[in-house]
Amino acid sequence: MLILTWCIIGASLVLAGWAGIRGLRDRPVIFIQLIGGALVVLAIIAQMVVTGIALGSGEHTVDTVLLWGYLITALVLLPAAGWWAVLDRSRWSSVVLVVAAFTIAVLQLRIWQIWVIG
């Protein structure tokens, strides 16, 4: 679970940086960035499955509700940003993707803290 969390953090930061460069260049999100976002979402779904299995097998965290709240929020952010990118073909779609991807990295860091530190 922990390796997956750090991989999601890295992928989210790469996606945020890529979208940030496009936003600075006054360019909208491109389709391949949406595919990258979809891969991050798939990794989050895998993380949710691993978390469910770990919690079902007896591992406990301090606040399970908070953990699942962060996981569900992370799962929803990139599809919402992707929808925005499809509807808004301006540089602001790139800015929204930067914010969503960076927020996912921060949420993943918090998920790691909850899991490891408790």
PDB file of N, CA and C in Angstrom:
ATOM      1  N   MET A   1       0.833  -1.191   0.000  1.00  0.00           N
ATOM      2  CA  MET A   1       0.000   0.000   0.000  1.00  0.00           C
ATOM      3  C   MET A   1       0.874   1.250   0.000  1.00  0.00           C
ATOM      4  N   LEU A   2       1.958   1.220   0.773  1.00  0.00           N
ATOM      5  CA  LEU A   2       2.784   2.414   0.899  1.00  0.00           C
ATOM      6  C   LEU A   2       3.516   2.742  -0.393  1.00  0.00           C
ATOM      7  N   ILE A   3       4.002   1.723  -1.100  1.00  0.00           N
ATOM      8  CA  ILE A   3       4.681   1.964  -2.373  1.00  0.00           C
ATOM      9  C   ILE A   3       3.693   2.540  -3.379  1.00  0.00           C
ATOM     10  N   LEU A   4       2.487   2.006  -3.401  1.00  0.00           N
ATOM     11  CA  LEU A   4       1.448   2.507  -4.305  1.00  0.00           C
ATOM     12  C   LEU A   4       1.125   3.964  -4.009  1.00  0.00           C
ATOM     13  N   THR A   5       1.077   4.314  -2.728  1.00  0.00           N
ATOM     14  CA  THR A   5       0.794   5.694  -2.339  1.00  0.00           C
ATOM     15  C   THR A   5       1.864   6.633  -2.873  1.00  0.00           C
ATOM     16  N   TRP A   6       3.132   6.261  -2.728  1.00  0.00           N
ATOM     17  CA  TRP A   6       4.208   7.121  -3.212  1.00  0.00           C
ATOM     18  C   TRP A   6       4.236   7.188  -4.734  1.00  0.00           C
ATOM     19  N   CYS A   7       3.856   6.109  -5.406  1.00  0.00           N
ATOM     20  CA  CYS A   7       3.759   6.141  -6.869  1.00  0.00           C
ATOM     21  C   CYS A   7       2.655   7.098  -7.326  1.00  0.00           C
ATOM     22  N   ILE A   8       1.535   7.100  -6.606  1.00  0.00           N
ATOM     23  CA  ILE A   8       0.442   8.012  -6.940  1.00  0.00           C
ATOM     24  C   ILE A   8       0.879   9.457  -6.699  1.00  0.00           C
ATOM     25  N   ILE A   9       1.591   9.690  -5.606  1.00  0.00           N
ATOM     26  CA  ILE A   9       2.094  11.044  -5.341  1.00  0.00           C
ATOM     27  C   ILE A   9       2.998  11.499  -6.486  1.00  0.00           C
ATOM     28  N   GLY A  10       3.932  10.656  -6.885  1.00  0.00           N
ATOM     29  CA  GLY A  10       4.843  11.014  -7.968  1.00  0.00           C
ATOM     30  C   GLY A  10       4.121  11.266  -9.282  1.00  0.00           C
ATOM     31  N   ALA A  11       3.206  10.375  -9.635  1.00  0.00           N
ATOM     32  CA  ALA A  11       2.462  10.536 -10.888  1.00  0.00           C
ATOM     33  C   ALA A  11       1.604  11.796 -10.866  1.00  0.00           C
ATOM     34  N   SER A  12       1.008  12.087  -9.724  1.00  0.00           N
ATOM     35  CA  SER A  12       0.180  13.290  -9.606  1.00  0.00           C
ATOM     36  C   SER A  12       1.020  14.557  -9.750  1.00  0.00           C
ATOM     37  N   LEU A  13       2.202  14.555  -9.146  1.00  0.00           N
ATOM     38  CA  LEU A  13       3.073  15.730  -9.260  1.00  0.00           C
ATOM     39  C   LEU A  13       3.598  15.911 -10.679  1.00  0.00           C
ATOM     40  N   VAL A  14       3.894  14.813 -11.357  1.00  0.00           N
ATOM     41  CA  VAL A  14       4.311  14.908 -12.761  1.00  0.00           C
ATOM     42  C   VAL A  14       3.165  15.475 -13.604  1.00  0.00           C
ATOM     43  N   LEU A  15       1.960  14.973 -13.381  1.00  0.00           N
ATOM     44  CA  LEU A  15       0.796  15.476 -14.110  1.00  0.00           C
ATOM     45  C   LEU A  15       0.549  16.950 -13.801  1.00  0.00           C
ATOM     46  N   ALA A  16       0.698  17.342 -12.552  1.00  0.00           N
ATOM     47  CA  ALA A  16       0.516  18.747 -12.173  1.00  0.00           C
ATOM     48  C   ALA A  16       1.570  19.631 -12.844  1.00  0.00           C
ATOM     49  N   GLY A  17       2.805  19.182 -12.866  1.00  0.00           N
ATOM     50  CA  GLY A  17       3.857  19.952 -13.521  1.00  0.00           C
ATOM     51  C   GLY A  17       3.635  20.092 -15.012  1.00  0.00           C
ATOM     52  N   TRP A  18       3.213  19.003 -15.638  1.00  0.00           N
ATOM     53  CA  TRP A  18       2.943  19.006 -17.072  1.00  0.00           C
ATOM     54  C   TRP A  18       1.796  19.958 -17.396  1.00  0.00           C
ATOM     55  N   ALA A  19       0.739  19.875 -16.631  1.00  0.00           N
ATOM     56  CA  ALA A  19      -0.397  20.774 -16.843  1.00  0.00           C
ATOM     57  C   ALA A  19       0.000  22.219 -16.535  1.00  0.00           C
ATOM     58  N   GLY A  20       0.857  22.411 -15.542  1.00  0.00           N
ATOM     59  CA  GLY A  20       1.314  23.752 -15.208  1.00  0.00           C
ATOM     60  C   GLY A  20       2.086  24.395 -16.349  1.00  0.00           C
ATOM     61  N   ILE A  21       2.939  23.611 -16.993  1.00  0.00           N
ATOM     62  CA  ILE A  21       3.688  24.127 -18.143  1.00  0.00           C
ATOM     63  C   ILE A  21       2.732  24.520 -19.261  1.00  0.00           C
ATOM     64  N   ARG A  22       1.741  23.672 -19.511  1.00  0.00           N
ATOM     65  CA  ARG A  22       0.764  24.000 -20.561  1.00  0.00           C
ATOM     66  C   ARG A  22      -0.053  25.229 -20.180  1.00  0.00           C
ATOM     67  N   GLY A  23      -0.387  25.364 -18.902  1.00  0.00           N
ATOM     68  CA  GLY A  23      -1.130  26.537 -18.459  1.00  0.00           C
ATOM     69  C   GLY A  23      -0.320  27.818 -18.613  1.00  0.00           C
ATOM     70  N   LEU A  24       0.974  27.755 -18.285  1.00  0.00           N
ATOM     71  CA  LEU A  24       1.840  28.920 -18.451  1.00  0.00           C
ATOM     72  C   LEU A  24       2.006  29.308 -19.924  1.00  0.00           C
ATOM     73  N   ARG A  25       1.909  28.322 -20.782  1.00  0.00           N
ATOM     74  CA  ARG A  25       2.009  28.579 -22.221  1.00  0.00           C
ATOM     75  C   ARG A  25       0.661  28.954 -22.834  1.00  0.00           C
ATOM     76  N   ASP A  26      -0.353  29.107 -21.976  1.00  0.00           N
ATOM     77  CA  ASP A  26      -1.702  29.484 -22.414  1.00  0.00           C
ATOM     78  C   ASP A  26      -2.323  28.419 -23.322  1.00  0.00           C
ATOM     79  N   ARG A  27      -2.126  27.161 -22.942  1.00  0.00           N
ATOM     80  CA  ARG A  27      -2.638  26.019 -23.714  1.00  0.00           C
ATOM     81  C   ARG A  27      -3.620  25.213 -22.872  1.00  0.00           C
ATOM     82  N   PRO A  28      -4.636  24.643 -23.514  1.00  0.00           N
ATOM     83  CA  PRO A  28      -5.580  23.802 -22.770  1.00  0.00           C
ATOM     84  C   PRO A  28      -5.016  22.398 -22.543  1.00  0.00           C
ATOM     85  N   VAL A  29      -5.715  21.635 -21.761  1.00  0.00           N
ATOM     86  CA  VAL A  29      -5.363  20.232 -21.519  1.00  0.00           C
ATOM     87  C   VAL A  29      -5.480  19.470 -22.835  1.00  0.00           C
ATOM     88  N   ILE A  30      -4.562  18.527 -23.057  1.00  0.00           N
ATOM     89  CA  ILE A  30      -4.621  17.683 -24.248  1.00  0.00           C
ATOM     90  C   ILE A  30      -5.051  16.279 -23.834  1.00  0.00           C
ATOM     91  N   PHE A  31      -5.456  15.498 -24.819  1.00  0.00           N
ATOM     92  CA  PHE A  31      -6.037  14.180 -24.560  1.00  0.00           C
ATOM     93  C   PHE A  31      -5.091  13.254 -23.805  1.00  0.00           C
ATOM     94  N   ILE A  32      -3.809  13.295 -24.122  1.00  0.00           N
ATOM     95  CA  ILE A  32      -2.861  12.391 -23.456  1.00  0.00           C
ATOM     96  C   ILE A  32      -2.745  12.708 -21.969  1.00  0.00           C
ATOM     97  N   GLN A  33      -2.963  13.981 -21.590  1.00  0.00           N
ATOM     98  CA  GLN A  33      -2.980  14.321 -20.169  1.00  0.00           C
ATOM     99  C   GLN A  33      -4.190  13.688 -19.490  1.00  0.00           C
ATOM    100  N   LEU A  34      -5.300  13.619 -20.200  1.00  0.00           N
ATOM    101  CA  LEU A  34      -6.485  12.966 -19.638  1.00  0.00           C
ATOM    102  C   LEU A  34      -6.243  11.467 -19.457  1.00  0.00           C
ATOM    103  N   ILE A  35      -5.490  10.875 -20.367  1.00  0.00           N
ATOM    104  CA  ILE A  35      -5.128   9.457 -20.220  1.00  0.00           C
ATOM    105  C   ILE A  35      -4.227   9.284 -18.997  1.00  0.00           C
ATOM    106  N   GLY A  36      -3.274  10.206 -18.820  1.00  0.00           N
ATOM    107  CA  GLY A  36      -2.425  10.165 -17.620  1.00  0.00           C
ATOM    108  C   GLY A  36      -3.248  10.285 -16.350  1.00  0.00           C
ATOM    109  N   GLY A  37      -4.237  11.168 -16.366  1.00  0.00           N
ATOM    110  CA  GLY A  37      -5.138  11.298 -15.222  1.00  0.00           C
ATOM    111  C   GLY A  37      -5.931  10.023 -14.980  1.00  0.00           C
ATOM    112  N   ALA A  38      -6.352   9.369 -16.064  1.00  0.00           N
ATOM    113  CA  ALA A  38      -7.089   8.107 -15.924  1.00  0.00           C
ATOM    114  C   ALA A  38      -6.210   7.022 -15.299  1.00  0.00           C
ATOM    115  N   LEU A  39      -4.927   7.023 -15.641  1.00  0.00           N
ATOM    116  CA  LEU A  39      -4.008   6.047 -15.031  1.00  0.00           C
ATOM    117  C   LEU A  39      -3.856   6.308 -13.533  1.00  0.00           C
ATOM    118  N   VAL A  40      -3.806   7.573 -13.147  1.00  0.00           N
ATOM    119  CA  VAL A  40      -3.743   7.915 -11.718  1.00  0.00           C
ATOM    120  C   VAL A  40      -5.017   7.452 -11.021  1.00  0.00           C
ATOM    121  N   VAL A  41      -6.169   7.643 -11.671  1.00  0.00           N
ATOM    122  CA  VAL A  41      -7.437   7.203 -11.085  1.00  0.00           C
ATOM    123  C   VAL A  41      -7.448   5.682 -10.930  1.00  0.00           C
ATOM    124  N   LEU A  42      -6.945   4.959 -11.918  1.00  0.00           N
ATOM    125  CA  LEU A  42      -6.866   3.489 -11.804  1.00  0.00           C
ATOM    126  C   LEU A  42      -5.964   3.078 -10.641  1.00  0.00           C
ATOM    127  N   ALA A  43      -4.879   3.798 -10.445  1.00  0.00           N
ATOM    128  CA  ALA A  43      -3.993   3.506  -9.312  1.00  0.00           C
ATOM    129  C   ALA A  43      -4.710   3.778  -7.990  1.00  0.00           C
ATOM    130  N   ILE A  44      -5.530   4.821  -7.941  1.00  0.00           N
ATOM    131  CA  ILE A  44      -6.289   5.116  -6.724  1.00  0.00           C
ATOM    132  C   ILE A  44      -7.313   4.019  -6.458  1.00  0.00           C
ATOM    133  N   ILE A  45      -7.942   3.515  -7.516  1.00  0.00           N
ATOM    134  CA  ILE A  45      -8.891   2.399  -7.343  1.00  0.00           C
ATOM    135  C   ILE A  45      -8.160   1.170  -6.811  1.00  0.00           C
ATOM    136  N   ALA A  46      -6.978   0.882  -7.348  1.00  0.00           N
ATOM    137  CA  ALA A  46      -6.177  -0.240  -6.833  1.00  0.00           C
ATOM    138  C   ALA A  46      -5.820  -0.009  -5.371  1.00  0.00           C
ATOM    139  N   GLN A  47      -5.487   1.223  -5.035  1.00  0.00           N
ATOM    140  CA  GLN A  47      -5.172   1.558  -3.646  1.00  0.00           C
ATOM    141  C   GLN A  47      -6.386   1.330  -2.737  1.00  0.00           C
ATOM    142  N   MET A  48      -7.554   1.662  -3.225  1.00  0.00           N
ATOM    143  CA  MET A  48      -8.769   1.445  -2.433  1.00  0.00           C
ATOM    144  C   MET A  48      -9.009  -0.046  -2.203  1.00  0.00           C
ATOM    145  N   VAL A  49      -8.763  -0.857  -3.223  1.00  0.00           N
ATOM    146  CA  VAL A  49      -8.928  -2.308  -3.079  1.00  0.00           C
ATOM    147  C   VAL A  49      -7.931  -2.853  -2.065  1.00  0.00           C
ATOM    148  N   VAL A  50      -6.671  -2.437  -2.180  1.00  0.00           N
ATOM    149  CA  VAL A  50      -5.641  -2.893  -1.242  1.00  0.00           C
ATOM    150  C   VAL A  50      -5.986  -2.444   0.180  1.00  0.00           C
ATOM    151  N   THR A  51      -6.453  -1.217   0.326  1.00  0.00           N
ATOM    152  CA  THR A  51      -6.835  -0.710   1.646  1.00  0.00           C
ATOM    153  C   THR A  51      -7.997  -1.506   2.223  1.00  0.00           C
ATOM    154  N   GLY A  52      -8.986  -1.789   1.398  1.00  0.00           N
ATOM    155  CA  GLY A  52     -10.125  -2.586   1.864  1.00  0.00           C
ATOM    156  C   GLY A  52      -9.712  -3.974   2.315  1.00  0.00           C
ATOM    157  N   ILE A  53      -8.815  -4.595   1.560  1.00  0.00           N
ATOM    158  CA  ILE A  53      -8.325  -5.929   1.929  1.00  0.00           C
ATOM    159  C   ILE A  53      -7.527  -5.861   3.226  1.00  0.00           C
ATOM    160  N   ALA A  54      -6.667  -4.849   3.345  1.00  0.00           N
ATOM    161  CA  ALA A  54      -5.851  -4.720   4.557  1.00  0.00           C
ATOM    162  C   ALA A  54      -6.716  -4.465   5.781  1.00  0.00           C
ATOM    163  N   LEU A  55      -7.696  -3.598   5.646  1.00  0.00           N
ATOM    164  CA  LEU A  55      -8.575  -3.328   6.787  1.00  0.00           C
ATOM    165  C   LEU A  55      -9.445  -4.532   7.105  1.00  0.00           C
ATOM    166  N   GLY A  56      -9.851  -5.268   6.072  1.00  0.00           N
ATOM    167  CA  GLY A  56     -10.654  -6.467   6.289  1.00  0.00           C
ATOM    168  C   GLY A  56      -9.879  -7.592   6.948  1.00  0.00           C
ATOM    169  N   SER A  57      -8.553  -7.576   6.780  1.00  0.00           N
ATOM    170  CA  SER A  57      -7.739  -8.636   7.380  1.00  0.00           C
ATOM    171  C   SER A  57      -7.236  -8.283   8.778  1.00  0.00           C
ATOM    172  N   GLY A  58      -7.702  -7.160   9.301  1.00  0.00           N
ATOM    173  CA  GLY A  58      -7.386  -6.861  10.690  1.00  0.00           C
ATOM    174  C   GLY A  58      -6.486  -5.674  10.943  1.00  0.00           C
ATOM    175  N   GLU A  59      -5.892  -5.095   9.914  1.00  0.00           N
ATOM    176  CA  GLU A  59      -5.076  -3.901  10.140  1.00  0.00           C
ATOM    177  C   GLU A  59      -6.004  -2.727  10.423  1.00  0.00           C
ATOM    178  N   HIS A  60      -5.659  -1.937  11.415  1.00  0.00           N
ATOM    179  CA  HIS A  60      -6.513  -0.817  11.779  1.00  0.00           C
ATOM    180  C   HIS A  60      -5.729   0.482  11.757  1.00  0.00           C
ATOM    181  N   THR A  61      -6.427   1.535  11.412  1.00  0.00           N
ATOM    182  CA  THR A  61      -5.852   2.870  11.495  1.00  0.00           C
ATOM    183  C   THR A  61      -6.616   3.632  12.558  1.00  0.00           C
ATOM    184  N   VAL A  62      -6.119   4.799  12.872  1.00  0.00           N
ATOM    185  CA  VAL A  62      -6.768   5.590  13.911  1.00  0.00           C
ATOM    186  C   VAL A  62      -8.163   5.995  13.484  1.00  0.00           C
ATOM    187  N   ASP A  63      -8.310   6.495  12.269  1.00  0.00           N
ATOM    188  CA  ASP A  63      -9.597   6.993  11.818  1.00  0.00           C
ATOM    189  C   ASP A  63      -9.915   6.431  10.434  1.00  0.00           C
ATOM    190  N   THR A  64     -10.642   5.350  10.395  1.00  0.00           N
ATOM    191  CA  THR A  64     -10.988   4.697   9.141  1.00  0.00           C
ATOM    192  C   THR A  64     -11.891   5.569   8.286  1.00  0.00           C
ATOM    193  N   VAL A  65     -12.817   6.295   8.913  1.00  0.00           N
ATOM    194  CA  VAL A  65     -13.731   7.158   8.162  1.00  0.00           C
ATOM    195  C   VAL A  65     -12.947   8.262   7.451  1.00  0.00           C
ATOM    196  N   LEU A  66     -11.988   8.862   8.132  1.00  0.00           N
ATOM    197  CA  LEU A  66     -11.162   9.908   7.526  1.00  0.00           C
ATOM    198  C   LEU A  66     -10.339   9.334   6.377  1.00  0.00           C
ATOM    199  N   LEU A  67      -9.783   8.161   6.561  1.00  0.00           N
ATOM    200  CA  LEU A  67      -9.005   7.506   5.513  1.00  0.00           C
ATOM    201  C   LEU A  67      -9.846   7.303   4.258  1.00  0.00           C
ATOM    202  N   TRP A  68     -11.041   6.751   4.413  1.00  0.00           N
ATOM    203  CA  TRP A  68     -11.911   6.520   3.259  1.00  0.00           C
ATOM    204  C   TRP A  68     -12.408   7.835   2.668  1.00  0.00           C
ATOM    205  N   GLY A  69     -12.583   8.845   3.491  1.00  0.00           N
ATOM    206  CA  GLY A  69     -12.961  10.156   2.972  1.00  0.00           C
ATOM    207  C   GLY A  69     -11.900  10.717   2.046  1.00  0.00           C
ATOM    208  N   TYR A  70     -10.637  10.598   2.444  1.00  0.00           N
ATOM    209  CA  TYR A  70      -9.541  11.045   1.593  1.00  0.00           C
ATOM    210  C   TYR A  70      -9.467  10.221   0.306  1.00  0.00           C
ATOM    211  N   LEU A  71      -9.631   8.911   0.425  1.00  0.00           N
ATOM    212  CA  LEU A  71      -9.567   8.049  -0.761  1.00  0.00           C
ATOM    213  C   LEU A  71     -10.676   8.379  -1.753  1.00  0.00           C
ATOM    214  N   ILE A  72     -11.887   8.563  -1.257  1.00  0.00           N
ATOM    215  CA  ILE A  72     -13.013   8.869  -2.148  1.00  0.00           C
ATOM    216  C   ILE A  72     -12.845  10.250  -2.779  1.00  0.00           C
ATOM    217  N   THR A  73     -12.369  11.217  -1.997  1.00  0.00           N
ATOM    218  CA  THR A  73     -12.126  12.553  -2.543  1.00  0.00           C
ATOM    219  C   THR A  73     -11.066  12.495  -3.638  1.00  0.00           C
ATOM    220  N   ALA A  74      -9.993  11.755  -3.400  1.00  0.00           N
ATOM    221  CA  ALA A  74      -8.942  11.611  -4.414  1.00  0.00           C
ATOM    222  C   ALA A  74      -9.489  10.952  -5.675  1.00  0.00           C
ATOM    223  N   LEU A  75     -10.395  10.006  -5.507  1.00  0.00           N
ATOM    224  CA  LEU A  75     -10.977   9.305  -6.643  1.00  0.00           C
ATOM    225  C   LEU A  75     -11.834  10.231  -7.499  1.00  0.00           C
ATOM    226  N   VAL A  76     -12.490  11.196  -6.897  1.00  0.00           N
ATOM    227  CA  VAL A  76     -13.432  12.063  -7.609  1.00  0.00           C
ATOM    228  C   VAL A  76     -12.748  13.260  -8.283  1.00  0.00           C
ATOM    229  N   LEU A  77     -11.623  13.715  -7.751  1.00  0.00           N
ATOM    230  CA  LEU A  77     -11.021  14.959  -8.228  1.00  0.00           C
ATOM    231  C   LEU A  77     -10.601  14.944  -9.697  1.00  0.00           C
ATOM    232  N   LEU A  78      -9.854  13.955 -10.119  1.00  0.00           N
ATOM    233  CA  LEU A  78      -9.372  13.957 -11.500  1.00  0.00           C
ATOM    234  C   LEU A  78     -10.480  13.774 -12.536  1.00  0.00           C
ATOM    235  N   PRO A  79     -11.470  12.910 -12.312  1.00  0.00           N
ATOM    236  CA  PRO A  79     -12.576  12.889 -13.278  1.00  0.00           C
ATOM    237  C   PRO A  79     -13.306  14.231 -13.374  1.00  0.00           C
ATOM    238  N   ALA A  80     -13.452  14.928 -12.253  1.00  0.00           N
ATOM    239  CA  ALA A  80     -14.083  16.251 -12.290  1.00  0.00           C
ATOM    240  C   ALA A  80     -13.218  17.235 -13.081  1.00  0.00           C
ATOM    241  N   ALA A  81     -11.906  17.199 -12.864  1.00  0.00           N
ATOM    242  CA  ALA A  81     -11.003  18.074 -13.616  1.00  0.00           C
ATOM    243  C   ALA A  81     -10.993  17.700 -15.103  1.00  0.00           C
ATOM    244  N   GLY A  82     -11.083  16.413 -15.392  1.00  0.00           N
ATOM    245  CA  GLY A  82     -11.150  15.972 -16.783  1.00  0.00           C
ATOM    246  C   GLY A  82     -12.411  16.445 -17.474  1.00  0.00           C
ATOM    247  N   TRP A  83     -13.510  16.399 -16.751  1.00  0.00           N
ATOM    248  CA  TRP A  83     -14.768  16.899 -17.306  1.00  0.00           C
ATOM    249  C   TRP A  83     -14.639  18.400 -17.596  1.00  0.00           C
ATOM    250  N   TRP A  84     -14.061  19.117 -16.659  1.00  0.00           N
ATOM    251  CA  TRP A  84     -13.841  20.548 -16.855  1.00  0.00           C
ATOM    252  C   TRP A  84     -12.986  20.779 -18.109  1.00  0.00           C
ATOM    253  N   ALA A  85     -11.943  19.967 -18.276  1.00  0.00           N
ATOM    254  CA  ALA A  85     -11.039  20.127 -19.416  1.00  0.00           C
ATOM    255  C   ALA A  85     -11.748  19.887 -20.741  1.00  0.00           C
ATOM    256  N   VAL A  86     -12.686  18.968 -20.751  1.00  0.00           N
ATOM    257  CA  VAL A  86     -13.432  18.697 -21.977  1.00  0.00           C
ATOM    258  C   VAL A  86     -14.382  19.855 -22.291  1.00  0.00           C
ATOM    259  N   LEU A  87     -14.990  20.418 -21.272  1.00  0.00           N
ATOM    260  CA  LEU A  87     -15.956  21.499 -21.473  1.00  0.00           C
ATOM    261  C   LEU A  87     -15.298  22.849 -21.734  1.00  0.00           C
ATOM    262  N   ASP A  88     -14.164  23.110 -21.117  1.00  0.00           N
ATOM    263  CA  ASP A  88     -13.495  24.411 -21.233  1.00  0.00           C
ATOM    264  C   ASP A  88     -12.183  24.229 -21.968  1.00  0.00           C
ATOM    265  N   ARG A  89     -12.122  24.680 -23.177  1.00  0.00           N
ATOM    266  CA  ARG A  89     -10.919  24.503 -23.993  1.00  0.00           C
ATOM    267  C   ARG A  89     -10.001  25.723 -23.918  1.00  0.00           C
ATOM    268  N   SER A  90      -9.844  26.297 -22.729  1.00  0.00           N
ATOM    269  CA  SER A  90      -8.931  27.416 -22.541  1.00  0.00           C
ATOM    270  C   SER A  90      -7.790  26.984 -21.623  1.00  0.00           C
ATOM    271  N   ARG A  91      -6.895  27.904 -21.317  1.00  0.00           N
ATOM    272  CA  ARG A  91      -5.783  27.591 -20.421  1.00  0.00           C
ATOM    273  C   ARG A  91      -6.266  27.234 -19.028  1.00  0.00           C
ATOM    274  N   TRP A  92      -7.485  27.658 -18.676  1.00  0.00           N
ATOM    275  CA  TRP A  92      -7.986  27.403 -17.332  1.00  0.00           C
ATOM    276  C   TRP A  92      -8.241  25.922 -17.086  1.00  0.00           C
ATOM    277  N   SER A  93      -8.436  25.165 -18.156  1.00  0.00           N
ATOM    278  CA  SER A  93      -8.542  23.714 -17.965  1.00  0.00           C
ATOM    279  C   SER A  93      -7.220  23.152 -17.449  1.00  0.00           C
ATOM    280  N   SER A  94      -6.109  23.701 -17.932  1.00  0.00           N
ATOM    281  CA  SER A  94      -4.798  23.267 -17.436  1.00  0.00           C
ATOM    282  C   SER A  94      -4.604  23.677 -15.985  1.00  0.00           C
ATOM    283  N   VAL A  95      -5.068  24.865 -15.635  1.00  0.00           N
ATOM    284  CA  VAL A  95      -4.954  25.335 -14.250  1.00  0.00           C
ATOM    285  C   VAL A  95      -5.777  24.446 -13.320  1.00  0.00           C
ATOM    286  N   VAL A  96      -6.975  24.085 -13.751  1.00  0.00           N
ATOM    287  CA  VAL A  96      -7.814  23.198 -12.939  1.00  0.00           C
ATOM    288  C   VAL A  96      -7.150  21.840 -12.773  1.00  0.00           C
ATOM    289  N   LEU A  97      -6.525  21.331 -13.826  1.00  0.00           N
ATOM    290  CA  LEU A  97      -5.828  20.051 -13.725  1.00  0.00           C
ATOM    291  C   LEU A  97      -4.638  20.142 -12.771  1.00  0.00           C
ATOM    292  N   VAL A  98      -3.918  21.261 -12.788  1.00  0.00           N
ATOM    293  CA  VAL A  98      -2.813  21.461 -11.844  1.00  0.00           C
ATOM    294  C   VAL A  98      -3.329  21.380 -10.412  1.00  0.00           C
ATOM    295  N   VAL A  99      -4.402  22.102 -10.135  1.00  0.00           N
ATOM    296  CA  VAL A  99      -4.954  22.138  -8.775  1.00  0.00           C
ATOM    297  C   VAL A  99      -5.427  20.746  -8.355  1.00  0.00           C
ATOM    298  N   ALA A 100      -6.134  20.052  -9.245  1.00  0.00           N
ATOM    299  CA  ALA A 100      -6.636  18.715  -8.907  1.00  0.00           C
ATOM    300  C   ALA A 100      -5.497  17.730  -8.672  1.00  0.00           C
ATOM    301  N   ALA A 101      -4.509  17.723  -9.546  1.00  0.00           N
ATOM    302  CA  ALA A 101      -3.396  16.771  -9.411  1.00  0.00           C
ATOM    303  C   ALA A 101      -2.563  17.064  -8.168  1.00  0.00           C
ATOM    304  N   PHE A 102      -2.315  18.343  -7.899  1.00  0.00           N
ATOM    305  CA  PHE A 102      -1.552  18.687  -6.698  1.00  0.00           C
ATOM    306  C   PHE A 102      -2.341  18.334  -5.442  1.00  0.00           C
ATOM    307  N   THR A 103      -3.648  18.549  -5.468  1.00  0.00           N
ATOM    308  CA  THR A 103      -4.487  18.184  -4.325  1.00  0.00           C
ATOM    309  C   THR A 103      -4.455  16.683  -4.082  1.00  0.00           C
ATOM    310  N   ILE A 104      -4.443  15.902  -5.140  1.00  0.00           N
ATOM    311  CA  ILE A 104      -4.346  14.444  -4.977  1.00  0.00           C
ATOM    312  C   ILE A 104      -3.022  14.073  -4.330  1.00  0.00           C
ATOM    313  N   ALA A 105      -1.938  14.729  -4.718  1.00  0.00           N
ATOM    314  CA  ALA A 105      -0.646  14.447  -4.084  1.00  0.00           C
ATOM    315  C   ALA A 105      -0.698  14.755  -2.590  1.00  0.00           C
ATOM    316  N   VAL A 106      -1.322  15.863  -2.227  1.00  0.00           N
ATOM    317  CA  VAL A 106      -1.437  16.223  -0.807  1.00  0.00           C
ATOM    318  C   VAL A 106      -2.343  15.230  -0.072  1.00  0.00           C
ATOM    319  N   LEU A 107      -3.443  14.838  -0.692  1.00  0.00           N
ATOM    320  CA  LEU A 107      -4.329  13.847  -0.067  1.00  0.00           C
ATOM    321  C   LEU A 107      -3.607  12.519   0.128  1.00  0.00           C
ATOM    322  N   GLN A 108      -2.802  12.134  -0.844  1.00  0.00           N
ATOM    323  CA  GLN A 108      -2.059  10.878  -0.721  1.00  0.00           C
ATOM    324  C   GLN A 108      -1.027  10.950   0.399  1.00  0.00           C
ATOM    325  N   LEU A 109      -0.403  12.093   0.548  1.00  0.00           N
ATOM    326  CA  LEU A 109       0.529  12.261   1.663  1.00  0.00           C
ATOM    327  C   LEU A 109      -0.208  12.112   2.993  1.00  0.00           C
ATOM    328  N   ARG A 110      -1.384  12.674   3.074  1.00  0.00           N
ATOM    329  CA  ARG A 110      -2.191  12.551   4.297  1.00  0.00           C
ATOM    330  C   ARG A 110      -2.638  11.101   4.515  1.00  0.00           C
ATOM    331  N   ILE A 111      -2.990  10.408   3.434  1.00  0.00           N
ATOM    332  CA  ILE A 111      -3.346   8.989   3.541  1.00  0.00           C
ATOM    333  C   ILE A 111      -2.161   8.202   4.082  1.00  0.00           C
ATOM    334  N   TRP A 112      -0.970   8.484   3.577  1.00  0.00           N
ATOM    335  CA  TRP A 112       0.224   7.821   4.085  1.00  0.00           C
ATOM    336  C   TRP A 112       0.411   8.088   5.561  1.00  0.00           C
ATOM    337  N   GLN A 113       0.200   9.353   5.988  1.00  0.00           N
ATOM    338  CA  GLN A 113       0.345   9.696   7.407  1.00  0.00           C
ATOM    339  C   GLN A 113      -0.645   8.926   8.258  1.00  0.00           C
ATOM    340  N   ILE A 114      -1.886   8.850   7.818  1.00  0.00           N
ATOM    341  CA  ILE A 114      -2.898   8.128   8.577  1.00  0.00           C
ATOM    342  C   ILE A 114      -2.531   6.654   8.688  1.00  0.00           C
ATOM    343  N   TRP A 115      -2.060   6.078   7.592  1.00  0.00           N
ATOM    344  CA  TRP A 115      -1.760   4.635   7.576  1.00  0.00           C
ATOM    345  C   TRP A 115      -0.521   4.320   8.417  1.00  0.00           C
ATOM    346  N   VAL A 116       0.522   5.122   8.272  1.00  0.00           N
ATOM    347  CA  VAL A 116       1.793   4.813   8.927  1.00  0.00           C
ATOM    348  C   VAL A 116       1.824   5.324  10.361  1.00  0.00           C
ATOM    349  N   ILE A 117       1.492   6.591  10.527  1.00  0.00           N
ATOM    350  CA  ILE A 117       1.608   7.214  11.850  1.00  0.00           C
ATOM    351  C   ILE A 117       0.401   6.895  12.716  1.00  0.00           C
ATOM    352  N   GLY A 118      -0.749   6.867  12.077  1.00  0.00           N
ATOM    353  CA  GLY A 118      -1.959   6.520  12.815  1.00  0.00           C
ATOM    354  C   GLY A 118      -2.736   7.639  13.346  1.00  0.00           C
TER     355      GLY A 118
END
